[in-house]
Amino acid sequence: MKRLLAILAFGSGFFVEAGVPAVIPADDWVTNAVIYPRFVSNAAPQRELFATLMAEPVAGKLRIWWQPSLFNSNSTAILWTSFDAPGHWPSRDWRSRPMTGRGGIWDARLAITELDVPVVYFVEERQKGRTNVSAMRACHPQAAGLEMPSRMFWPFIEGFEEGLESWQLHRAPKGAEIKEGAPAFHGRFALEASLPAGSTSMVVATTRIRGWQLTRHGVNGIGLYLRMRTGSGRARFAFLANTGTRNEKKFESRVTAELKEEWKPVELPLESFPELRAAAVDSMLIEFFGEGPAEFLIDDVWLLG
């Protein structure tokens, strides 16, 4: 089959076109068009260098490993994973973790909660002065042989103790930023969204909320904690489906949260989003309103049910 590889700048990452879409078996290369996350090197993805990359069930978890032809102990290997069916490329929830190098092999183990939710993955190898990025693969844990979940369903989504990879500014004035901040409701960090002087609103987006999460285990909404560092403000909420495409659809919640200088639990029932198509959701928006300069804090996001 004739294949075409093109690297083009595309919003939050880079675009790779490789042949026509194919049905993905238990564990194989993704052959349709994909978008890499914005924080990954824009080096051209490679398949040959990562020919041994694969996933397999080991001891109740999904083991993802790669044996390079020339193992370099001075390099590092980062595994990027995203739990969702292939697709939704402009707005996937990518998470990174270091791989362990031993015996000439790079290795990582994933705990699986949902056997029928595919995991799309790739490896980023970093050496001095050079970065190699693998082509993407997709694994269906149950089809690959995993017989039962590695852990029970847990409704907690985000606590900001592992960074902000899944969060970004969606629409914001010049000078606005998000970063790890304090005080946290729990743990060390919260997300701090800073609104600059002279501005009155900003929007923060996250890919942590997925459609498959909203349609399982009796989930009926989203909860989170919000507050102001000083002063007062308010927040509004929306889900997006098919983010970043011509078919993007916005579902705004009827809930508005008034914020002050103490943590406030906010609950967003799915029924508060009129005409919501929950299964199609791939991102969530939080719009903050206040008089800049102002700092809004987010912590502990969870699924209601």
C-alpha atoms as a PDB file:
ATOM      1  CA  MET A   1       0.000   0.000   0.000  1.00  0.00           C
ATOM      2  CA  LYS A   2       1.348   3.340  -0.965  1.00  0.00           C
ATOM      3  CA  ARG A   3       2.036   5.481   2.069  1.00  0.00           C
ATOM      4  CA  LEU A   4       2.373   9.227   2.440  1.00  0.00           C
ATOM      5  CA  LEU A   5       4.076  10.871   5.382  1.00  0.00           C
ATOM      6  CA  ALA A   6       3.667  14.581   5.943  1.00  0.00           C
ATOM      7  CA  ILE A   7       4.576  16.744   8.893  1.00  0.00           C
ATOM      8  CA  LEU A   8       2.581  19.961   9.125  1.00  0.00           C
ATOM      9  CA  ALA A   9       2.223  22.542  11.888  1.00  0.00           C
ATOM     10  CA  PHE A  10      -1.220  22.075  13.455  1.00  0.00           C
ATOM     11  CA  GLY A  11      -2.331  23.987  16.528  1.00  0.00           C
ATOM     12  CA  SER A  12      -1.582  21.959  19.616  1.00  0.00           C
ATOM     13  CA  GLY A  13       0.851  19.541  17.986  1.00  0.00           C
ATOM     14  CA  PHE A  14       1.923  18.305  14.576  1.00  0.00           C
ATOM     15  CA  PHE A  15      -0.094  16.436  12.013  1.00  0.00           C
ATOM     16  CA  VAL A  16       0.952  13.121  10.524  1.00  0.00           C
ATOM     17  CA  GLU A  17      -0.834  11.578   7.583  1.00  0.00           C
ATOM     18  CA  ALA A  18       0.044   7.975   6.885  1.00  0.00           C
ATOM     19  CA  GLY A  19      -2.052   6.031   4.430  1.00  0.00           C
ATOM     20  CA  VAL A  20      -5.741   5.281   4.951  1.00  0.00           C
ATOM     21  CA  PRO A  21      -7.506   4.437   8.232  1.00  0.00           C
ATOM     22  CA  ALA A  22      -7.255   0.805   9.258  1.00  0.00           C
ATOM     23  CA  VAL A  23      -8.963  -1.402  11.799  1.00  0.00           C
ATOM     24  CA  ILE A  24      -6.631  -1.601  14.784  1.00  0.00           C
ATOM     25  CA  PRO A  25      -6.142  -5.163  16.121  1.00  0.00           C
ATOM     26  CA  ALA A  26      -5.176  -6.023  19.723  1.00  0.00           C
ATOM     27  CA  ASP A  27      -1.909  -4.063  19.480  1.00  0.00           C
ATOM     28  CA  ASP A  28      -0.626  -2.471  16.312  1.00  0.00           C
ATOM     29  CA  TRP A  29       0.506   0.724  14.636  1.00  0.00           C
ATOM     30  CA  VAL A  30      -2.009   3.503  14.113  1.00  0.00           C
ATOM     31  CA  THR A  31      -2.055   4.100  10.362  1.00  0.00           C
ATOM     32  CA  ASN A  32      -4.559   6.932  10.015  1.00  0.00           C
ATOM     33  CA  ALA A  33      -3.980  10.661  10.508  1.00  0.00           C
ATOM     34  CA  VAL A  34      -2.875  11.648  14.021  1.00  0.00           C
ATOM     35  CA  ILE A  35      -1.866  14.763  15.946  1.00  0.00           C
ATOM     36  CA  TYR A  36       0.924  14.636  18.527  1.00  0.00           C
ATOM     37  CA  PRO A  37       0.580  16.637  21.761  1.00  0.00           C
ATOM     38  CA  ARG A  38       1.951  20.171  21.729  1.00  0.00           C
ATOM     39  CA  PHE A  39       4.649  19.489  24.342  1.00  0.00           C
ATOM     40  CA  VAL A  40       6.366  16.699  22.375  1.00  0.00           C
ATOM     41  CA  SER A  41       9.358  17.249  20.099  1.00  0.00           C
ATOM     42  CA  ASN A  42       8.395  17.948  16.488  1.00  0.00           C
ATOM     43  CA  ALA A  43      10.887  15.348  15.257  1.00  0.00           C
ATOM     44  CA  ALA A  44       9.443  13.187  12.469  1.00  0.00           C
ATOM     45  CA  PRO A  45       7.830  10.045  13.961  1.00  0.00           C
ATOM     46  CA  GLN A  46       9.700   6.831  13.243  1.00  0.00           C
ATOM     47  CA  ARG A  47       8.539   3.255  12.981  1.00  0.00           C
ATOM     48  CA  GLU A  48      11.743   1.456  12.000  1.00  0.00           C
ATOM     49  CA  LEU A  49      13.756   2.697  14.996  1.00  0.00           C
ATOM     50  CA  PHE A  50      10.932   1.562  17.284  1.00  0.00           C
ATOM     51  CA  ALA A  51      10.125  -1.668  15.445  1.00  0.00           C
ATOM     52  CA  THR A  52      10.082  -3.722  18.667  1.00  0.00           C
ATOM     53  CA  LEU A  53       7.705  -1.380  20.540  1.00  0.00           C
ATOM     54  CA  MET A  54       4.689  -3.318  21.813  1.00  0.00           C
ATOM     55  CA  ALA A  55       2.186  -3.847  24.630  1.00  0.00           C
ATOM     56  CA  GLU A  56       1.354  -7.113  26.379  1.00  0.00           C
ATOM     57  CA  PRO A  57      -0.356  -8.230  29.601  1.00  0.00           C
ATOM     58  CA  VAL A  58       2.078  -9.094  32.396  1.00  0.00           C
ATOM     59  CA  ALA A  59       1.137  -9.815  36.025  1.00  0.00           C
ATOM     60  CA  GLY A  60      -2.275  -8.173  35.729  1.00  0.00           C
ATOM     61  CA  LYS A  61      -1.015  -4.970  34.117  1.00  0.00           C
ATOM     62  CA  LEU A  62      -0.279  -3.805  30.602  1.00  0.00           C
ATOM     63  CA  ARG A  63       3.449  -3.856  29.946  1.00  0.00           C
ATOM     64  CA  ILE A  64       4.706  -1.521  27.228  1.00  0.00           C
ATOM     65  CA  TRP A  65       8.293  -2.123  26.209  1.00  0.00           C
ATOM     66  CA  TRP A  66      10.829  -1.336  23.531  1.00  0.00           C
ATOM     67  CA  GLN A  67      14.214  -2.927  22.787  1.00  0.00           C
ATOM     68  CA  PRO A  68      16.331  -0.530  20.697  1.00  0.00           C
ATOM     69  CA  SER A  69      18.960  -1.996  18.413  1.00  0.00           C
ATOM     70  CA  LEU A  70      21.547   0.077  20.291  1.00  0.00           C
ATOM     71  CA  PHE A  71      20.663   0.689  23.946  1.00  0.00           C
ATOM     72  CA  ASN A  72      22.025   3.979  25.290  1.00  0.00           C
ATOM     73  CA  SER A  73      22.032   4.080  29.092  1.00  0.00           C
ATOM     74  CA  ASN A  74      22.647   7.835  28.986  1.00  0.00           C
ATOM     75  CA  SER A  75      19.370   8.496  27.195  1.00  0.00           C
ATOM     76  CA  THR A  76      15.890   8.658  28.718  1.00  0.00           C
ATOM     77  CA  ALA A  77      12.669   7.178  27.361  1.00  0.00           C
ATOM     78  CA  ILE A  78       9.277   8.752  28.043  1.00  0.00           C
ATOM     79  CA  LEU A  79       6.071   6.795  27.476  1.00  0.00           C
ATOM     80  CA  TRP A  80       3.064   8.860  26.392  1.00  0.00           C
ATOM     81  CA  THR A  81      -0.370   7.276  26.820  1.00  0.00           C
ATOM     82  CA  SER A  82      -3.932   8.334  26.079  1.00  0.00           C
ATOM     83  CA  PHE A  83      -6.924   6.215  27.079  1.00  0.00           C
ATOM     84  CA  ASP A  84      -9.562   6.573  24.374  1.00  0.00           C
ATOM     85  CA  ALA A  85     -10.335   5.087  20.979  1.00  0.00           C
ATOM     86  CA  PRO A  86      -8.083   6.354  18.179  1.00  0.00           C
ATOM     87  CA  GLY A  87      -9.461   9.706  17.078  1.00  0.00           C
ATOM     88  CA  HIS A  88     -10.239  13.046  18.767  1.00  0.00           C
ATOM     89  CA  TRP A  89      -6.634  13.908  17.869  1.00  0.00           C
ATOM     90  CA  PRO A  90      -6.795  17.674  18.545  1.00  0.00           C
ATOM     91  CA  SER A  91      -8.018  17.022  22.090  1.00  0.00           C
ATOM     92  CA  ARG A  92      -6.708  13.795  23.599  1.00  0.00           C
ATOM     93  CA  ASP A  93      -5.714  13.391  27.228  1.00  0.00           C
ATOM     94  CA  TRP A  94      -1.996  12.613  26.994  1.00  0.00           C
ATOM     95  CA  ARG A  95      -0.082  11.577  30.115  1.00  0.00           C
ATOM     96  CA  SER A  96       3.656  10.942  30.352  1.00  0.00           C
ATOM     97  CA  ARG A  97       5.701   8.630  32.535  1.00  0.00           C
ATOM     98  CA  PRO A  98       9.378   7.641  32.526  1.00  0.00           C
ATOM     99  CA  MET A  99      10.280   4.190  31.263  1.00  0.00           C
ATOM    100  CA  THR A 100      12.775   2.040  33.153  1.00  0.00           C
ATOM    101  CA  GLY A 101      15.865   0.864  31.290  1.00  0.00           C
ATOM    102  CA  ARG A 102      17.267  -2.555  32.167  1.00  0.00           C
ATOM    103  CA  GLY A 103      18.863  -5.381  30.210  1.00  0.00           C
ATOM    104  CA  GLY A 104      18.791  -3.373  26.995  1.00  0.00           C
ATOM    105  CA  ILE A 105      15.016  -2.832  27.231  1.00  0.00           C
ATOM    106  CA  TRP A 106      12.881   0.216  28.050  1.00  0.00           C
ATOM    107  CA  ASP A 107       9.839  -0.819  30.071  1.00  0.00           C
ATOM    108  CA  ALA A 108       6.725   0.658  31.744  1.00  0.00           C
ATOM    109  CA  ARG A 109       3.652  -0.932  33.374  1.00  0.00           C
ATOM    110  CA  LEU A 110       0.121   0.494  33.136  1.00  0.00           C
ATOM    111  CA  ALA A 111      -2.697  -0.217  35.571  1.00  0.00           C
ATOM    112  CA  ILE A 112      -5.880  -0.738  33.540  1.00  0.00           C
ATOM    113  CA  THR A 113      -9.332   0.180  34.861  1.00  0.00           C
ATOM    114  CA  GLU A 114     -11.485  -0.384  31.754  1.00  0.00           C
ATOM    115  CA  LEU A 115     -10.663  -3.450  29.670  1.00  0.00           C
ATOM    116  CA  ASP A 116     -12.554  -2.229  26.607  1.00  0.00           C
ATOM    117  CA  VAL A 117     -11.089   1.299  26.463  1.00  0.00           C
ATOM    118  CA  PRO A 118      -8.143   1.376  24.029  1.00  0.00           C
ATOM    119  CA  VAL A 119      -4.853   2.994  24.956  1.00  0.00           C
ATOM    120  CA  VAL A 120      -2.951   4.905  22.275  1.00  0.00           C
ATOM    121  CA  TYR A 121       0.751   5.222  23.047  1.00  0.00           C
ATOM    122  CA  PHE A 122       4.119   6.308  21.727  1.00  0.00           C
ATOM    123  CA  VAL A 123       7.682   6.697  23.051  1.00  0.00           C
ATOM    124  CA  GLU A 124       9.896   9.767  23.104  1.00  0.00           C
ATOM    125  CA  GLU A 125      13.604   8.937  23.424  1.00  0.00           C
ATOM    126  CA  ARG A 126      15.756  11.846  24.533  1.00  0.00           C
ATOM    127  CA  GLN A 127      19.507  11.856  23.998  1.00  0.00           C
ATOM    128  CA  LYS A 128      22.005  14.671  24.220  1.00  0.00           C
ATOM    129  CA  GLY A 129      21.269  16.944  21.298  1.00  0.00           C
ATOM    130  CA  ARG A 130      18.654  14.660  19.742  1.00  0.00           C
ATOM    131  CA  THR A 131      15.110  13.417  20.298  1.00  0.00           C
ATOM    132  CA  ASN A 132      13.494  10.425  18.608  1.00  0.00           C
ATOM    133  CA  VAL A 133       9.720   9.962  18.569  1.00  0.00           C
ATOM    134  CA  SER A 134       7.978   6.719  17.698  1.00  0.00           C
ATOM    135  CA  ALA A 135       4.939   6.340  15.519  1.00  0.00           C
ATOM    136  CA  MET A 136       1.763   5.774  17.536  1.00  0.00           C
ATOM    137  CA  ARG A 137       0.384   2.391  18.466  1.00  0.00           C
ATOM    138  CA  ALA A 138      -3.036   1.414  19.834  1.00  0.00           C
ATOM    139  CA  CYS A 139      -3.766  -1.468  22.181  1.00  0.00           C
ATOM    140  CA  HIS A 140      -7.134  -2.901  23.209  1.00  0.00           C
ATOM    141  CA  PRO A 141      -6.319  -4.379  26.648  1.00  0.00           C
ATOM    142  CA  GLN A 142      -8.953  -7.121  26.607  1.00  0.00           C
ATOM    143  CA  ALA A 143      -8.173  -8.191  23.044  1.00  0.00           C
ATOM    144  CA  ALA A 144      -4.471  -8.212  23.969  1.00  0.00           C
ATOM    145  CA  GLY A 145      -5.183 -10.814  26.659  1.00  0.00           C
ATOM    146  CA  LEU A 146      -5.726  -8.837  29.879  1.00  0.00           C
ATOM    147  CA  GLU A 147      -8.442 -10.822  31.656  1.00  0.00           C
ATOM    148  CA  MET A 148      -9.454  -8.453  34.434  1.00  0.00           C
ATOM    149  CA  PRO A 149      -8.883  -4.813  35.419  1.00  0.00           C
ATOM    150  CA  SER A 150      -5.659  -3.988  37.253  1.00  0.00           C
ATOM    151  CA  ARG A 151      -7.571  -1.795  39.696  1.00  0.00           C
ATOM    152  CA  MET A 152     -11.122  -0.855  40.593  1.00  0.00           C
ATOM    153  CA  PHE A 153     -12.896   2.165  39.162  1.00  0.00           C
ATOM    154  CA  TRP A 154     -11.916   5.309  41.064  1.00  0.00           C
ATOM    155  CA  PRO A 155     -13.834   8.569  40.478  1.00  0.00           C
ATOM    156  CA  PHE A 156     -10.952  10.931  41.299  1.00  0.00           C
ATOM    157  CA  ILE A 157      -9.753  12.673  38.122  1.00  0.00           C
ATOM    158  CA  GLU A 158      -7.164  15.341  38.953  1.00  0.00           C
ATOM    159  CA  GLY A 159      -5.243  16.703  41.940  1.00  0.00           C
ATOM    160  CA  PHE A 160      -2.411  18.594  40.164  1.00  0.00           C
ATOM    161  CA  GLU A 161       0.337  16.671  41.952  1.00  0.00           C
ATOM    162  CA  GLU A 162       1.738  15.389  38.635  1.00  0.00           C
ATOM    163  CA  GLY A 163       1.860  18.605  36.642  1.00  0.00           C
ATOM    164  CA  LEU A 164      -0.488  20.338  34.213  1.00  0.00           C
ATOM    165  CA  GLU A 165      -0.071  18.265  31.039  1.00  0.00           C
ATOM    166  CA  SER A 166      -3.828  18.013  30.492  1.00  0.00           C
ATOM    167  CA  TRP A 167      -4.571  21.720  31.114  1.00  0.00           C
ATOM    168  CA  GLN A 168      -4.053  24.816  28.989  1.00  0.00           C
ATOM    169  CA  LEU A 169      -5.353  28.294  28.277  1.00  0.00           C
ATOM    170  CA  HIS A 170      -8.229  28.151  25.817  1.00  0.00           C
ATOM    171  CA  ARG A 171      -9.056  31.825  25.418  1.00  0.00           C
ATOM    172  CA  ALA A 172      -7.217  34.394  27.484  1.00  0.00           C
ATOM    173  CA  PRO A 173      -5.795  37.936  27.327  1.00  0.00           C
ATOM    174  CA  LYS A 174      -2.106  38.627  26.858  1.00  0.00           C
ATOM    175  CA  GLY A 175      -0.245  37.992  30.106  1.00  0.00           C
ATOM    176  CA  ALA A 176      -2.660  35.362  31.424  1.00  0.00           C
ATOM    177  CA  GLU A 177      -1.082  32.091  32.535  1.00  0.00           C
ATOM    178  CA  ILE A 178      -1.689  28.846  34.369  1.00  0.00           C
ATOM    179  CA  LYS A 179       0.814  27.224  36.711  1.00  0.00           C
ATOM    180  CA  GLU A 180       1.111  25.062  39.809  1.00  0.00           C
ATOM    181  CA  GLY A 181       0.039  27.174  42.754  1.00  0.00           C
ATOM    182  CA  ALA A 182      -0.890  27.189  46.423  1.00  0.00           C
ATOM    183  CA  PRO A 183      -2.652  26.901  48.747  1.00  0.00           C
ATOM    184  CA  ALA A 184      -4.050  23.550  47.615  1.00  0.00           C
ATOM    185  CA  PHE A 185      -7.254  22.055  48.941  1.00  0.00           C
ATOM    186  CA  HIS A 186      -5.409  18.732  49.264  1.00  0.00           C
ATOM    187  CA  GLY A 187      -1.738  17.925  48.709  1.00  0.00           C
ATOM    188  CA  ARG A 188       0.952  20.363  47.627  1.00  0.00           C
ATOM    189  CA  PHE A 189      -0.442  21.995  44.508  1.00  0.00           C
ATOM    190  CA  ALA A 190      -3.537  23.456  42.943  1.00  0.00           C
ATOM    191  CA  LEU A 191      -3.858  24.916  39.466  1.00  0.00           C
ATOM    192  CA  GLU A 192      -3.478  28.699  39.575  1.00  0.00           C
ATOM    193  CA  ALA A 193      -4.994  30.720  36.725  1.00  0.00           C
ATOM    194  CA  SER A 194      -3.692  34.297  36.681  1.00  0.00           C
ATOM    195  CA  LEU A 195      -5.753  37.085  35.125  1.00  0.00           C
ATOM    196  CA  PRO A 196      -3.638  40.156  34.270  1.00  0.00           C
ATOM    197  CA  ALA A 197      -4.433  43.746  35.229  1.00  0.00           C
ATOM    198  CA  GLY A 198      -7.066  45.415  33.093  1.00  0.00           C
ATOM    199  CA  SER A 199      -8.675  42.099  32.058  1.00  0.00           C
ATOM    200  CA  THR A 200     -12.005  40.665  33.180  1.00  0.00           C
ATOM    201  CA  SER A 201     -12.145  37.057  31.940  1.00  0.00           C
ATOM    202  CA  MET A 202     -10.130  34.035  30.846  1.00  0.00           C
ATOM    203  CA  VAL A 203     -10.898  30.447  29.860  1.00  0.00           C
ATOM    204  CA  VAL A 204      -9.000  27.341  31.011  1.00  0.00           C
ATOM    205  CA  ALA A 205      -9.446  24.022  29.178  1.00  0.00           C
ATOM    206  CA  THR A 206      -8.743  20.431  30.173  1.00  0.00           C
ATOM    207  CA  THR A 207      -8.774  17.138  28.285  1.00  0.00           C
ATOM    208  CA  ARG A 208      -9.017  15.109  31.499  1.00  0.00           C
ATOM    209  CA  ILE A 209     -12.779  14.640  31.062  1.00  0.00           C
ATOM    210  CA  ARG A 210     -13.573  11.995  28.428  1.00  0.00           C
ATOM    211  CA  GLY A 211     -16.871  10.849  27.002  1.00  0.00           C
ATOM    212  CA  TRP A 212     -16.310   7.238  28.023  1.00  0.00           C
ATOM    213  CA  GLN A 213     -15.873   8.358  31.648  1.00  0.00           C
ATOM    214  CA  LEU A 214     -19.245  10.122  31.618  1.00  0.00           C
ATOM    215  CA  THR A 215     -21.162   7.085  30.357  1.00  0.00           C
ATOM    216  CA  ARG A 216     -19.971   4.412  32.823  1.00  0.00           C
ATOM    217  CA  HIS A 217     -20.329   3.432  36.478  1.00  0.00           C
ATOM    218  CA  GLY A 218     -23.423   5.570  37.017  1.00  0.00           C
ATOM    219  CA  VAL A 219     -21.501   8.831  36.592  1.00  0.00           C
ATOM    220  CA  ASN A 220     -23.913  11.767  36.596  1.00  0.00           C
ATOM    221  CA  GLY A 221     -21.677  14.829  36.787  1.00  0.00           C
ATOM    222  CA  ILE A 222     -18.371  16.501  37.609  1.00  0.00           C
ATOM    223  CA  GLY A 223     -17.220  17.954  40.933  1.00  0.00           C
ATOM    224  CA  LEU A 224     -14.307  20.276  41.659  1.00  0.00           C
ATOM    225  CA  TYR A 225     -13.051  22.787  44.223  1.00  0.00           C
ATOM    226  CA  LEU A 226     -12.580  26.454  43.313  1.00  0.00           C
ATOM    227  CA  ARG A 227     -11.538  29.635  45.107  1.00  0.00           C
ATOM    228  CA  MET A 228      -9.989  33.072  44.686  1.00  0.00           C
ATOM    229  CA  ARG A 229      -6.604  33.865  46.158  1.00  0.00           C
ATOM    230  CA  THR A 230      -7.963  37.294  47.086  1.00  0.00           C
ATOM    231  CA  GLY A 231     -11.139  39.159  46.265  1.00  0.00           C
ATOM    232  CA  SER A 232     -14.151  37.678  44.506  1.00  0.00           C
ATOM    233  CA  GLY A 233     -15.054  36.312  41.098  1.00  0.00           C
ATOM    234  CA  ARG A 234     -17.213  33.733  39.391  1.00  0.00           C
ATOM    235  CA  ALA A 235     -16.934  30.772  37.045  1.00  0.00           C
ATOM    236  CA  ARG A 236     -18.985  29.229  34.253  1.00  0.00           C
ATOM    237  CA  PHE A 237     -18.554  25.794  32.699  1.00  0.00           C
ATOM    238  CA  ALA A 238     -18.938  23.994  29.376  1.00  0.00           C
ATOM    239  CA  PHE A 239     -18.118  20.706  27.678  1.00  0.00           C
ATOM    240  CA  LEU A 240     -16.792  20.472  24.129  1.00  0.00           C
ATOM    241  CA  ALA A 241     -17.280  17.577  21.731  1.00  0.00           C
ATOM    242  CA  ASN A 242     -15.012  17.038  18.715  1.00  0.00           C
ATOM    243  CA  THR A 243     -12.758  19.851  19.896  1.00  0.00           C
ATOM    244  CA  GLY A 244     -10.724  21.621  17.246  1.00  0.00           C
ATOM    245  CA  THR A 245     -12.656  20.198  14.290  1.00  0.00           C
ATOM    246  CA  ARG A 246     -15.369  21.496  11.968  1.00  0.00           C
ATOM    247  CA  ASN A 247     -17.832  19.414  13.999  1.00  0.00           C
ATOM    248  CA  GLU A 248     -16.961  21.040  17.336  1.00  0.00           C
ATOM    249  CA  LYS A 249     -20.010  21.408  19.583  1.00  0.00           C
ATOM    250  CA  LYS A 250     -20.239  23.367  22.841  1.00  0.00           C
ATOM    251  CA  PHE A 251     -22.541  22.415  25.721  1.00  0.00           C
ATOM    252  CA  GLU A 252     -22.823  25.134  28.374  1.00  0.00           C
ATOM    253  CA  SER A 253     -23.854  24.353  31.953  1.00  0.00           C
ATOM    254  CA  ARG A 254     -26.601  26.292  33.695  1.00  0.00           C
ATOM    255  CA  VAL A 255     -24.408  26.334  36.820  1.00  0.00           C
ATOM    256  CA  THR A 256     -22.536  29.515  37.745  1.00  0.00           C
ATOM    257  CA  ALA A 257     -20.178  29.469  40.757  1.00  0.00           C
ATOM    258  CA  GLU A 258     -19.592  32.575  42.873  1.00  0.00           C
ATOM    259  CA  LEU A 259     -16.023  32.491  44.214  1.00  0.00           C
ATOM    260  CA  LYS A 260     -14.426  34.023  47.296  1.00  0.00           C
ATOM    261  CA  GLU A 261     -11.283  33.517  49.379  1.00  0.00           C
ATOM    262  CA  GLU A 262     -12.157  30.035  50.640  1.00  0.00           C
ATOM    263  CA  TRP A 263     -12.432  26.695  48.871  1.00  0.00           C
ATOM    264  CA  LYS A 264     -15.877  26.013  47.453  1.00  0.00           C
ATOM    265  CA  PRO A 265     -17.082  22.607  46.221  1.00  0.00           C
ATOM    266  CA  VAL A 266     -18.871  22.976  42.892  1.00  0.00           C
ATOM    267  CA  GLU A 267     -21.050  20.206  41.449  1.00  0.00           C
ATOM    268  CA  LEU A 268     -21.953  20.114  37.765  1.00  0.00           C
ATOM    269  CA  PRO A 269     -24.708  17.548  37.097  1.00  0.00           C
ATOM    270  CA  LEU A 270     -24.741  16.275  33.525  1.00  0.00           C
ATOM    271  CA  GLU A 271     -28.373  17.354  33.360  1.00  0.00           C
ATOM    272  CA  SER A 272     -27.207  20.970  33.820  1.00  0.00           C
ATOM    273  CA  PHE A 273     -25.723  20.818  30.283  1.00  0.00           C
ATOM    274  CA  PRO A 274     -28.723  21.099  27.906  1.00  0.00           C
ATOM    275  CA  GLU A 275     -28.750  18.658  24.970  1.00  0.00           C
ATOM    276  CA  LEU A 276     -25.451  17.134  26.123  1.00  0.00           C
ATOM    277  CA  ARG A 277     -24.078  14.254  24.057  1.00  0.00           C
ATOM    278  CA  ALA A 278     -21.933  12.863  26.849  1.00  0.00           C
ATOM    279  CA  ALA A 279     -20.223  10.114  24.851  1.00  0.00           C
ATOM    280  CA  ALA A 280     -18.734  12.674  22.437  1.00  0.00           C
ATOM    281  CA  VAL A 281     -17.156  14.928  25.104  1.00  0.00           C
ATOM    282  CA  ASP A 282     -13.382  15.352  24.802  1.00  0.00           C
ATOM    283  CA  SER A 283     -12.668  18.536  26.775  1.00  0.00           C
ATOM    284  CA  MET A 284     -14.060  20.826  29.460  1.00  0.00           C
ATOM    285  CA  LEU A 285     -13.910  24.617  29.704  1.00  0.00           C
ATOM    286  CA  ILE A 286     -13.869  26.749  32.853  1.00  0.00           C
ATOM    287  CA  GLU A 287     -14.432  30.460  32.238  1.00  0.00           C
ATOM    288  CA  PHE A 288     -13.342  32.762  35.055  1.00  0.00           C
ATOM    289  CA  PHE A 289     -14.603  36.304  35.570  1.00  0.00           C
ATOM    290  CA  GLY A 290     -13.026  38.909  37.840  1.00  0.00           C
ATOM    291  CA  GLU A 291     -11.147  42.183  37.976  1.00  0.00           C
ATOM    292  CA  GLY A 292      -7.502  41.654  37.075  1.00  0.00           C
ATOM    293  CA  PRO A 293      -5.004  41.235  38.515  1.00  0.00           C
ATOM    294  CA  ALA A 294      -6.618  38.162  40.076  1.00  0.00           C
ATOM    295  CA  GLU A 295      -5.728  34.531  40.747  1.00  0.00           C
ATOM    296  CA  PHE A 296      -8.243  31.680  40.501  1.00  0.00           C
ATOM    297  CA  LEU A 297      -7.422  28.274  42.022  1.00  0.00           C
ATOM    298  CA  ILE A 298      -8.694  24.817  41.001  1.00  0.00           C
ATOM    299  CA  ASP A 299      -8.168  21.564  42.905  1.00  0.00           C
ATOM    300  CA  ASP A 300      -9.551  18.025  43.255  1.00  0.00           C
ATOM    301  CA  VAL A 301     -11.637  17.239  40.173  1.00  0.00           C
ATOM    302  CA  TRP A 302     -13.796  14.120  40.424  1.00  0.00           C
ATOM    303  CA  LEU A 303     -16.695  12.237  38.835  1.00  0.00           C
ATOM    304  CA  LEU A 304     -20.066  12.456  40.572  1.00  0.00           C
ATOM    305  CA  GLY A 305     -22.207   9.356  40.875  1.00  0.00           C
END
